[in-house]
Amino acid sequence: MHLRTIWFASMQSLAEMLSDENRALLRVIADTKPDSISALAKTTGQKSGELRRTLKKMSNCGVVELQRGRNHLRPVAKAVEFRIVILDSG
């Protein structure tokens, strides 16, 4: 994985996206390389619907890619390590 820049509108949105649970989910995706969201749901014990919503948010931020298959979406971790830089707006 290469270095990528992701911008967040607020510290709150950063904290929500990079919560302990979401970072653990990214690690599971990177380690297990699931074939589908359903397979990931079985691995994590999460409900597919909730997992799909979380993955869509992660995809919108660029930390997960949802690759289309014939009848499914395959989650791919695009980032698992983060360096946070805070720019002073003043």
PDB file of N, CA and C in Angstrom:
ATOM      1  N   MET A   1       0.842  -1.166   0.000  1.00  0.00           N
ATOM      2  CA  MET A   1       0.000   0.000   0.000  1.00  0.00           C
ATOM      3  C   MET A   1       0.890   1.233   0.000  1.00  0.00           C
ATOM      4  N   HIS A   2       0.480   2.225  -0.744  1.00  0.00           N
ATOM      5  CA  HIS A   2       1.283   3.433  -0.835  1.00  0.00           C
ATOM      6  C   HIS A   2       0.637   4.564  -0.031  1.00  0.00           C
ATOM      7  N   LEU A   3       1.385   5.632   0.157  1.00  0.00           N
ATOM      8  CA  LEU A   3       0.927   6.776   0.930  1.00  0.00           C
ATOM      9  C   LEU A   3      -0.173   7.494   0.174  1.00  0.00           C
ATOM     10  N   ARG A   4      -1.273   7.764   0.860  1.00  0.00           N
ATOM     11  CA  ARG A   4      -2.373   8.512   0.261  1.00  0.00           C
ATOM     12  C   ARG A   4      -2.836   9.555   1.257  1.00  0.00           C
ATOM     13  N   THR A   5      -3.374  10.635   0.749  1.00  0.00           N
ATOM     14  CA  THR A   5      -3.856  11.718   1.587  1.00  0.00           C
ATOM     15  C   THR A   5      -5.373  11.661   1.653  1.00  0.00           C
ATOM     16  N   ILE A   6      -5.895  11.729   2.868  1.00  0.00           N
ATOM     17  CA  ILE A   6      -7.331  11.742   3.092  1.00  0.00           C
ATOM     18  C   ILE A   6      -7.631  12.962   3.952  1.00  0.00           C
ATOM     19  N   TRP A   7      -8.562  13.795   3.513  1.00  0.00           N
ATOM     20  CA  TRP A   7      -8.921  15.003   4.247  1.00  0.00           C
ATOM     21  C   TRP A   7     -10.215  14.772   5.010  1.00  0.00           C
ATOM     22  N   PHE A   8     -10.287  15.295   6.223  1.00  0.00           N
ATOM     23  CA  PHE A   8     -11.495  15.218   7.029  1.00  0.00           C
ATOM     24  C   PHE A   8     -11.943  16.629   7.368  1.00  0.00           C
ATOM     25  N   ALA A   9     -13.241  16.839   7.383  1.00  0.00           N
ATOM     26  CA  ALA A   9     -13.796  18.168   7.636  1.00  0.00           C
ATOM     27  C   ALA A   9     -13.646  18.590   9.096  1.00  0.00           C
ATOM     28  N   SER A  10     -13.571  17.617   9.991  1.00  0.00           N
ATOM     29  CA  SER A  10     -13.477  17.945  11.414  1.00  0.00           C
ATOM     30  C   SER A  10     -12.742  16.835  12.153  1.00  0.00           C
ATOM     31  N   MET A  11     -12.297  17.151  13.340  1.00  0.00           N
ATOM     32  CA  MET A  11     -11.657  16.147  14.187  1.00  0.00           C
ATOM     33  C   MET A  11     -12.663  15.061  14.563  1.00  0.00           C
ATOM     34  N   GLN A  12     -13.930  15.442  14.706  1.00  0.00           N
ATOM     35  CA  GLN A  12     -14.959  14.462  15.044  1.00  0.00           C
ATOM     36  C   GLN A  12     -15.120  13.432  13.927  1.00  0.00           C
ATOM     37  N   SER A  13     -15.160  13.893  12.675  1.00  0.00           N
ATOM     38  CA  SER A  13     -15.304  12.938  11.567  1.00  0.00           C
ATOM     39  C   SER A  13     -14.066  12.053  11.446  1.00  0.00           C
ATOM     40  N   LEU A  14     -12.890  12.600  11.727  1.00  0.00           N
ATOM     41  CA  LEU A  14     -11.657  11.809  11.756  1.00  0.00           C
ATOM     42  C   LEU A  14     -11.753  10.733  12.831  1.00  0.00           C
ATOM     43  N   ALA A  15     -12.161  11.135  14.026  1.00  0.00           N
ATOM     44  CA  ALA A  15     -12.269  10.197  15.146  1.00  0.00           C
ATOM     45  C   ALA A  15     -13.284   9.093  14.863  1.00  0.00           C
ATOM     46  N   GLU A  16     -14.392   9.446  14.233  1.00  0.00           N
ATOM     47  CA  GLU A  16     -15.411   8.439  13.906  1.00  0.00           C
ATOM     48  C   GLU A  16     -14.887   7.443  12.871  1.00  0.00           C
ATOM     49  N   MET A  17     -14.220   7.954  11.835  1.00  0.00           N
ATOM     50  CA  MET A  17     -13.730   7.073  10.768  1.00  0.00           C
ATOM     51  C   MET A  17     -12.609   6.172  11.261  1.00  0.00           C
ATOM     52  N   LEU A  18     -11.737   6.697  12.117  1.00  0.00           N
ATOM     53  CA  LEU A  18     -10.590   5.917  12.571  1.00  0.00           C
ATOM     54  C   LEU A  18     -10.776   5.420  13.998  1.00  0.00           C
ATOM     55  N   SER A  19     -12.011   5.085  14.332  1.00  0.00           N
ATOM     56  CA  SER A  19     -12.291   4.524  15.661  1.00  0.00           C
ATOM     57  C   SER A  19     -11.562   3.192  15.819  1.00  0.00           C
ATOM     58  N   ASP A  20     -11.430   2.743  17.044  1.00  0.00           N
ATOM     59  CA  ASP A  20     -10.789   1.447  17.299  1.00  0.00           C
ATOM     60  C   ASP A  20     -11.463   0.340  16.499  1.00  0.00           C
ATOM     61  N   GLU A  21     -12.806   0.362  16.461  1.00  0.00           N
ATOM     62  CA  GLU A  21     -13.560  -0.679  15.751  1.00  0.00           C
ATOM     63  C   GLU A  21     -13.280  -0.638  14.251  1.00  0.00           C
ATOM     64  N   ASN A  22     -13.247   0.557  13.676  1.00  0.00           N
ATOM     65  CA  ASN A  22     -13.013   0.668  12.238  1.00  0.00           C
ATOM     66  C   ASN A  22     -11.585   0.276  11.867  1.00  0.00           C
ATOM     67  N   ARG A  23     -10.618   0.647  12.706  1.00  0.00           N
ATOM     68  CA  ARG A  23      -9.243   0.246  12.429  1.00  0.00           C
ATOM     69  C   ARG A  23      -9.094  -1.270  12.548  1.00  0.00           C
ATOM     70  N   ALA A  24      -9.783  -1.885  13.511  1.00  0.00           N
ATOM     71  CA  ALA A  24      -9.754  -3.350  13.638  1.00  0.00           C
ATOM     72  C   ALA A  24     -10.397  -3.998  12.407  1.00  0.00           C
ATOM     73  N   LEU A  25     -11.480  -3.403  11.914  1.00  0.00           N
ATOM     74  CA  LEU A  25     -12.145  -3.916  10.714  1.00  0.00           C
ATOM     75  C   LEU A  25     -11.214  -3.826   9.507  1.00  0.00           C
ATOM     76  N   LEU A  26     -10.515  -2.718   9.357  1.00  0.00           N
ATOM     77  CA  LEU A  26      -9.551  -2.578   8.265  1.00  0.00           C
ATOM     78  C   LEU A  26      -8.480  -3.655   8.332  1.00  0.00           C
ATOM     79  N   ARG A  27      -8.004  -3.947   9.522  1.00  0.00           N
ATOM     80  CA  ARG A  27      -6.968  -4.970   9.703  1.00  0.00           C
ATOM     81  C   ARG A  27      -7.519  -6.349   9.312  1.00  0.00           C
ATOM     82  N   VAL A  28      -8.753  -6.656   9.700  1.00  0.00           N
ATOM     83  CA  VAL A  28      -9.368  -7.943   9.327  1.00  0.00           C
ATOM     84  C   VAL A  28      -9.491  -8.039   7.811  1.00  0.00           C
ATOM     85  N   ILE A  29      -9.918  -6.952   7.173  1.00  0.00           N
ATOM     86  CA  ILE A  29     -10.046  -6.958   5.709  1.00  0.00           C
ATOM     87  C   ILE A  29      -8.685  -7.195   5.066  1.00  0.00           C
ATOM     88  N   ALA A  30      -7.668  -6.489   5.539  1.00  0.00           N
ATOM     89  CA  ALA A  30      -6.322  -6.635   4.971  1.00  0.00           C
ATOM     90  C   ALA A  30      -5.771  -8.035   5.192  1.00  0.00           C
ATOM     91  N   ASP A  31      -6.013  -8.605   6.365  1.00  0.00           N
ATOM     92  CA  ASP A  31      -5.448  -9.915   6.700  1.00  0.00           C
ATOM     93  C   ASP A  31      -6.191 -11.082   6.044  1.00  0.00           C
ATOM     94  N   THR A  32      -7.527 -10.992   5.967  1.00  0.00           N
ATOM     95  CA  THR A  32      -8.315 -12.136   5.479  1.00  0.00           C
ATOM     96  C   THR A  32      -8.696 -12.034   4.011  1.00  0.00           C
ATOM     97  N   LYS A  33      -8.628 -10.818   3.446  1.00  0.00           N
ATOM     98  CA  LYS A  33      -8.987 -10.595   2.037  1.00  0.00           C
ATOM     99  C   LYS A  33     -10.306 -11.299   1.669  1.00  0.00           C
ATOM    100  N   PRO A  34     -11.411 -10.876   2.318  1.00  0.00           N
ATOM    101  CA  PRO A  34     -12.693 -11.551   2.079  1.00  0.00           C
ATOM    102  C   PRO A  34     -13.179 -11.380   0.646  1.00  0.00           C
ATOM    103  N   ASP A  35     -13.900 -12.382   0.161  1.00  0.00           N
ATOM    104  CA  ASP A  35     -14.435 -12.352  -1.202  1.00  0.00           C
ATOM    105  C   ASP A  35     -15.693 -11.499  -1.325  1.00  0.00           C
ATOM    106  N   SER A  36     -16.339 -11.223  -0.178  1.00  0.00           N
ATOM    107  CA  SER A  36     -17.597 -10.475  -0.213  1.00  0.00           C
ATOM    108  C   SER A  36     -17.858  -9.854   1.161  1.00  0.00           C
ATOM    109  N   ILE A  37     -18.842  -8.970   1.191  1.00  0.00           N
ATOM    110  CA  ILE A  37     -19.253  -8.383   2.469  1.00  0.00           C
ATOM    111  C   ILE A  37     -19.864  -9.472   3.348  1.00  0.00           C
ATOM    112  N   SER A  38     -20.568 -10.408   2.750  1.00  0.00           N
ATOM    113  CA  SER A  38     -21.154 -11.520   3.520  1.00  0.00           C
ATOM    114  C   SER A  38     -20.071 -12.351   4.195  1.00  0.00           C
ATOM    115  N   ALA A  39     -18.997 -12.624   3.477  1.00  0.00           N
ATOM    116  CA  ALA A  39     -17.880 -13.388   4.050  1.00  0.00           C
ATOM    117  C   ALA A  39     -17.246 -12.602   5.193  1.00  0.00           C
ATOM    118  N   LEU A  40     -17.101 -11.295   5.019  1.00  0.00           N
ATOM    119  CA  LEU A  40     -16.550 -10.456   6.078  1.00  0.00           C
ATOM    120  C   LEU A  40     -17.469 -10.439   7.286  1.00  0.00           C
ATOM    121  N   ALA A  41     -18.774 -10.404   7.046  1.00  0.00           N
ATOM    122  CA  ALA A  41     -19.749 -10.425   8.142  1.00  0.00           C
ATOM    123  C   ALA A  41     -19.617 -11.708   8.954  1.00  0.00           C
ATOM    124  N   LYS A  42     -19.428 -12.832   8.277  1.00  0.00           N
ATOM    125  CA  LYS A  42     -19.244 -14.107   8.988  1.00  0.00           C
ATOM    126  C   LYS A  42     -17.971 -14.084   9.817  1.00  0.00           C
ATOM    127  N   THR A  43     -16.907 -13.529   9.273  1.00  0.00           N
ATOM    128  CA  THR A  43     -15.625 -13.470   9.973  1.00  0.00           C
ATOM    129  C   THR A  43     -15.707 -12.585  11.205  1.00  0.00           C
ATOM    130  N   THR A  44     -16.389 -11.438  11.075  1.00  0.00           N
ATOM    131  CA  THR A  44     -16.425 -10.460  12.168  1.00  0.00           C
ATOM    132  C   THR A  44     -17.598 -10.651  13.120  1.00  0.00           C
ATOM    133  N   GLY A  45     -18.615 -11.395  12.683  1.00  0.00           N
ATOM    134  CA  GLY A  45     -19.810 -11.560  13.510  1.00  0.00           C
ATOM    135  C   GLY A  45     -20.755 -10.371  13.437  1.00  0.00           C
ATOM    136  N   GLN A  46     -20.501  -9.461  12.507  1.00  0.00           N
ATOM    137  CA  GLN A  46     -21.367  -8.291  12.346  1.00  0.00           C
ATOM    138  C   GLN A  46     -22.481  -8.590  11.353  1.00  0.00           C
ATOM    139  N   LYS A  47     -23.559  -7.821  11.430  1.00  0.00           N
ATOM    140  CA  LYS A  47     -24.654  -7.964  10.485  1.00  0.00           C
ATOM    141  C   LYS A  47     -24.250  -7.331   9.159  1.00  0.00           C
ATOM    142  N   SER A  48     -24.623  -7.975   8.057  1.00  0.00           N
ATOM    143  CA  SER A  48     -24.229  -7.504   6.721  1.00  0.00           C
ATOM    144  C   SER A  48     -24.686  -6.084   6.435  1.00  0.00           C
ATOM    145  N   GLY A  49     -25.903  -5.731   6.835  1.00  0.00           N
ATOM    146  CA  GLY A  49     -26.429  -4.392   6.565  1.00  0.00           C
ATOM    147  C   GLY A  49     -25.622  -3.307   7.251  1.00  0.00           C
ATOM    148  N   GLU A  50     -25.326  -3.516   8.529  1.00  0.00           N
ATOM    149  CA  GLU A  50     -24.527  -2.545   9.280  1.00  0.00           C
ATOM    150  C   GLU A  50     -23.116  -2.456   8.707  1.00  0.00           C
ATOM    151  N   LEU A  51     -22.568  -3.594   8.381  1.00  0.00           N
ATOM    152  CA  LEU A  51     -21.222  -3.655   7.824  1.00  0.00           C
ATOM    153  C   LEU A  51     -21.172  -2.942   6.473  1.00  0.00           C
ATOM    154  N   ARG A  52     -22.189  -3.127   5.668  1.00  0.00           N
ATOM    155  CA  ARG A  52     -22.266  -2.476   4.350  1.00  0.00           C
ATOM    156  C   ARG A  52     -22.263  -0.948   4.512  1.00  0.00           C
ATOM    157  N   ARG A  53     -23.029  -0.428   5.482  1.00  0.00           N
ATOM    158  CA  ARG A  53     -23.068   1.026   5.718  1.00  0.00           C
ATOM    159  C   ARG A  53     -21.700   1.542   6.156  1.00  0.00           C
ATOM    160  N   THR A  54     -21.056   0.823   7.061  1.00  0.00           N
ATOM    161  CA  THR A  54     -19.723   1.224   7.529  1.00  0.00           C
ATOM    162  C   THR A  54     -18.726   1.206   6.379  1.00  0.00           C
ATOM    163  N   LEU A  55     -18.758   0.159   5.566  1.00  0.00           N
ATOM    164  CA  LEU A  55     -17.828   0.045   4.442  1.00  0.00           C
ATOM    165  C   LEU A  55     -18.072   1.126   3.394  1.00  0.00           C
ATOM    166  N   LYS A  56     -19.328   1.518   3.193  1.00  0.00           N
ATOM    167  CA  LYS A  56     -19.631   2.587   2.238  1.00  0.00           C
ATOM    168  C   LYS A  56     -19.005   3.897   2.722  1.00  0.00           C
ATOM    169  N   LYS A  57     -19.122   4.190   4.019  1.00  0.00           N
ATOM    170  CA  LYS A  57     -18.500   5.400   4.571  1.00  0.00           C
ATOM    171  C   LYS A  57     -16.978   5.330   4.413  1.00  0.00           C
ATOM    172  N   MET A  58     -16.410   4.172   4.690  1.00  0.00           N
ATOM    173  CA  MET A  58     -14.964   4.000   4.554  1.00  0.00           C
ATOM    174  C   MET A  58     -14.539   4.142   3.094  1.00  0.00           C
ATOM    175  N   SER A  59     -15.365   3.674   2.203  1.00  0.00           N
ATOM    176  CA  SER A  59     -15.088   3.786   0.769  1.00  0.00           C
ATOM    177  C   SER A  59     -15.126   5.251   0.335  1.00  0.00           C
ATOM    178  N   ASN A  60     -16.096   6.001   0.847  1.00  0.00           N
ATOM    179  CA  ASN A  60     -16.201   7.422   0.509  1.00  0.00           C
ATOM    180  C   ASN A  60     -14.972   8.205   0.968  1.00  0.00           C
ATOM    181  N   CYS A  61     -14.337   7.739   2.050  1.00  0.00           N
ATOM    182  CA  CYS A  61     -13.124   8.405   2.551  1.00  0.00           C
ATOM    183  C   CYS A  61     -11.867   7.893   1.867  1.00  0.00           C
ATOM    184  N   GLY A  62     -11.956   6.774   1.177  1.00  0.00           N
ATOM    185  CA  GLY A  62     -10.807   6.252   0.458  1.00  0.00           C
ATOM    186  C   GLY A  62      -9.966   5.239   1.211  1.00  0.00           C
ATOM    187  N   VAL A  63     -10.446   4.759   2.366  1.00  0.00           N
ATOM    188  CA  VAL A  63      -9.663   3.761   3.103  1.00  0.00           C
ATOM    189  C   VAL A  63     -10.042   2.337   2.726  1.00  0.00           C
ATOM    190  N   VAL A  64     -11.183   2.182   2.052  1.00  0.00           N
ATOM    191  CA  VAL A  64     -11.641   0.875   1.569  1.00  0.00           C
ATOM    192  C   VAL A  64     -12.104   1.045   0.133  1.00  0.00           C
ATOM    193  N   GLU A  65     -11.832   0.045  -0.689  1.00  0.00           N
ATOM    194  CA  GLU A  65     -12.379   0.004  -2.043  1.00  0.00           C
ATOM    195  C   GLU A  65     -13.391  -1.131  -2.087  1.00  0.00           C
ATOM    196  N   LEU A  66     -14.553  -0.866  -2.661  1.00  0.00           N
ATOM    197  CA  LEU A  66     -15.568  -1.904  -2.827  1.00  0.00           C
ATOM    198  C   LEU A  66     -15.566  -2.315  -4.293  1.00  0.00           C
ATOM    199  N   GLN A  67     -14.965  -3.470  -4.556  1.00  0.00           N
ATOM    200  CA  GLN A  67     -14.842  -3.964  -5.927  1.00  0.00           C
ATOM    201  C   GLN A  67     -16.073  -4.787  -6.278  1.00  0.00           C
ATOM    202  N   ARG A  68     -16.642  -4.485  -7.433  1.00  0.00           N
ATOM    203  CA  ARG A  68     -17.847  -5.196  -7.881  1.00  0.00           C
ATOM    204  C   ARG A  68     -17.504  -6.566  -8.449  1.00  0.00           C
ATOM    205  N   GLY A  69     -18.242  -7.559  -7.962  1.00  0.00           N
ATOM    206  CA  GLY A  69     -18.182  -8.890  -8.538  1.00  0.00           C
ATOM    207  C   GLY A  69     -19.488  -9.136  -9.271  1.00  0.00           C
ATOM    208  N   ARG A  70     -19.766 -10.353  -9.618  1.00  0.00           N
ATOM    209  CA  ARG A  70     -21.025 -10.650 -10.317  1.00  0.00           C
ATOM    210  C   ARG A  70     -22.236 -10.296  -9.465  1.00  0.00           C
ATOM    211  N   ASN A  71     -22.301 -10.834  -8.258  1.00  0.00           N
ATOM    212  CA  ASN A  71     -23.466 -10.600  -7.393  1.00  0.00           C
ATOM    213  C   ASN A  71     -23.052 -10.052  -6.029  1.00  0.00           C
ATOM    214  N   HIS A  72     -21.871  -9.495  -5.939  1.00  0.00           N
ATOM    215  CA  HIS A  72     -21.406  -9.068  -4.618  1.00  0.00           C
ATOM    216  C   HIS A  72     -20.400  -7.919  -4.720  1.00  0.00           C
ATOM    217  N   LEU A  73     -20.131  -7.336  -3.565  1.00  0.00           N
ATOM    218  CA  LEU A  73     -19.076  -6.338  -3.444  1.00  0.00           C
ATOM    219  C   LEU A  73     -17.963  -6.937  -2.599  1.00  0.00           C
ATOM    220  N   ARG A  74     -16.737  -6.765  -3.053  1.00  0.00           N
ATOM    221  CA  ARG A  74     -15.574  -7.288  -2.338  1.00  0.00           C
ATOM    222  C   ARG A  74     -14.839  -6.119  -1.687  1.00  0.00           C
ATOM    223  N   PRO A  75     -14.770  -6.089  -0.333  1.00  0.00           N
ATOM    224  CA  PRO A  75     -14.045  -5.011   0.332  1.00  0.00           C
ATOM    225  C   PRO A  75     -12.536  -5.240   0.285  1.00  0.00           C
ATOM    226  N   VAL A  76     -11.804  -4.182  -0.056  1.00  0.00           N
ATOM    227  CA  VAL A  76     -10.344  -4.229  -0.113  1.00  0.00           C
ATOM    228  C   VAL A  76      -9.819  -3.051   0.712  1.00  0.00           C
ATOM    229  N   ALA A  77      -8.964  -3.348   1.679  1.00  0.00           N
ATOM    230  CA  ALA A  77      -8.379  -2.284   2.501  1.00  0.00           C
ATOM    231  C   ALA A  77      -7.355  -1.517   1.673  1.00  0.00           C
ATOM    232  N   LYS A  78      -7.517  -0.199   1.606  1.00  0.00           N
ATOM    233  CA  LYS A  78      -6.574   0.648   0.883  1.00  0.00           C
ATOM    234  C   LYS A  78      -5.591   1.311   1.841  1.00  0.00           C
ATOM    235  N   ALA A  79      -5.903   1.278   3.136  1.00  0.00           N
ATOM    236  CA  ALA A  79      -5.026   1.860   4.147  1.00  0.00           C
ATOM    237  C   ALA A  79      -5.258   1.137   5.469  1.00  0.00           C
ATOM    238  N   VAL A  80      -4.187   0.848   6.180  1.00  0.00           N
ATOM    239  CA  VAL A  80      -4.304   0.242   7.509  1.00  0.00           C
ATOM    240  C   VAL A  80      -3.438   0.975   8.531  1.00  0.00           C
ATOM    241  N   GLU A  81      -2.549   1.814   8.043  1.00  0.00           N
ATOM    242  CA  GLU A  81      -1.721   2.636   8.924  1.00  0.00           C
ATOM    243  C   GLU A  81      -1.961   4.089   8.583  1.00  0.00           C
ATOM    244  N   PHE A  82      -1.958   4.936   9.594  1.00  0.00           N
ATOM    245  CA  PHE A  82      -2.299   6.332   9.384  1.00  0.00           C
ATOM    246  C   PHE A  82      -1.298   7.246  10.075  1.00  0.00           C
ATOM    247  N   ARG A  83      -0.964   8.313   9.397  1.00  0.00           N
ATOM    248  CA  ARG A  83      -0.179   9.392   9.979  1.00  0.00           C
ATOM    249  C   ARG A  83      -1.089  10.619   9.911  1.00  0.00           C
ATOM    250  N   ILE A  84      -1.341  11.197  11.062  1.00  0.00           N
ATOM    251  CA  ILE A  84      -2.286  12.315  11.137  1.00  0.00           C
ATOM    252  C   ILE A  84      -1.489  13.626  11.227  1.00  0.00           C
ATOM    253  N   VAL A  85      -1.818  14.528  10.322  1.00  0.00           N
ATOM    254  CA  VAL A  85      -1.207  15.854  10.303  1.00  0.00           C
ATOM    255  C   VAL A  85      -2.331  16.856  10.480  1.00  0.00           C
ATOM    256  N   ILE A  86      -2.211  17.699  11.472  1.00  0.00           N
ATOM    257  CA  ILE A  86      -3.229  18.709  11.729  1.00  0.00           C
ATOM    258  C   ILE A  86      -2.688  20.054  11.280  1.00  0.00           C
ATOM    259  N   LEU A  87      -3.407  20.656  10.362  1.00  0.00           N
ATOM    260  CA  LEU A  87      -2.997  21.964   9.854  1.00  0.00           C
ATOM    261  C   LEU A  87      -3.704  23.053  10.636  1.00  0.00           C
ATOM    262  N   ASP A  88      -2.961  24.044  11.072  1.00  0.00           N
ATOM    263  CA  ASP A  88      -3.519  25.162  11.810  1.00  0.00           C
ATOM    264  C   ASP A  88      -4.178  26.113  10.811  1.00  0.00           C
ATOM    265  N   SER A  89      -5.457  26.375  11.018  1.00  0.00           N
ATOM    266  CA  SER A  89      -6.177  27.238  10.074  1.00  0.00           C
ATOM    267  C   SER A  89      -6.005  28.721  10.406  1.00  0.00           C
ATOM    268  N   GLY A  90      -5.277  29.019  11.442  1.00  0.00           N
ATOM    269  CA  GLY A  90      -5.157  30.434  11.863  1.00  0.00           C
ATOM    270  C   GLY A  90      -3.894  31.079  11.526  1.00  0.00           C
TER     271      GLY A  90
END
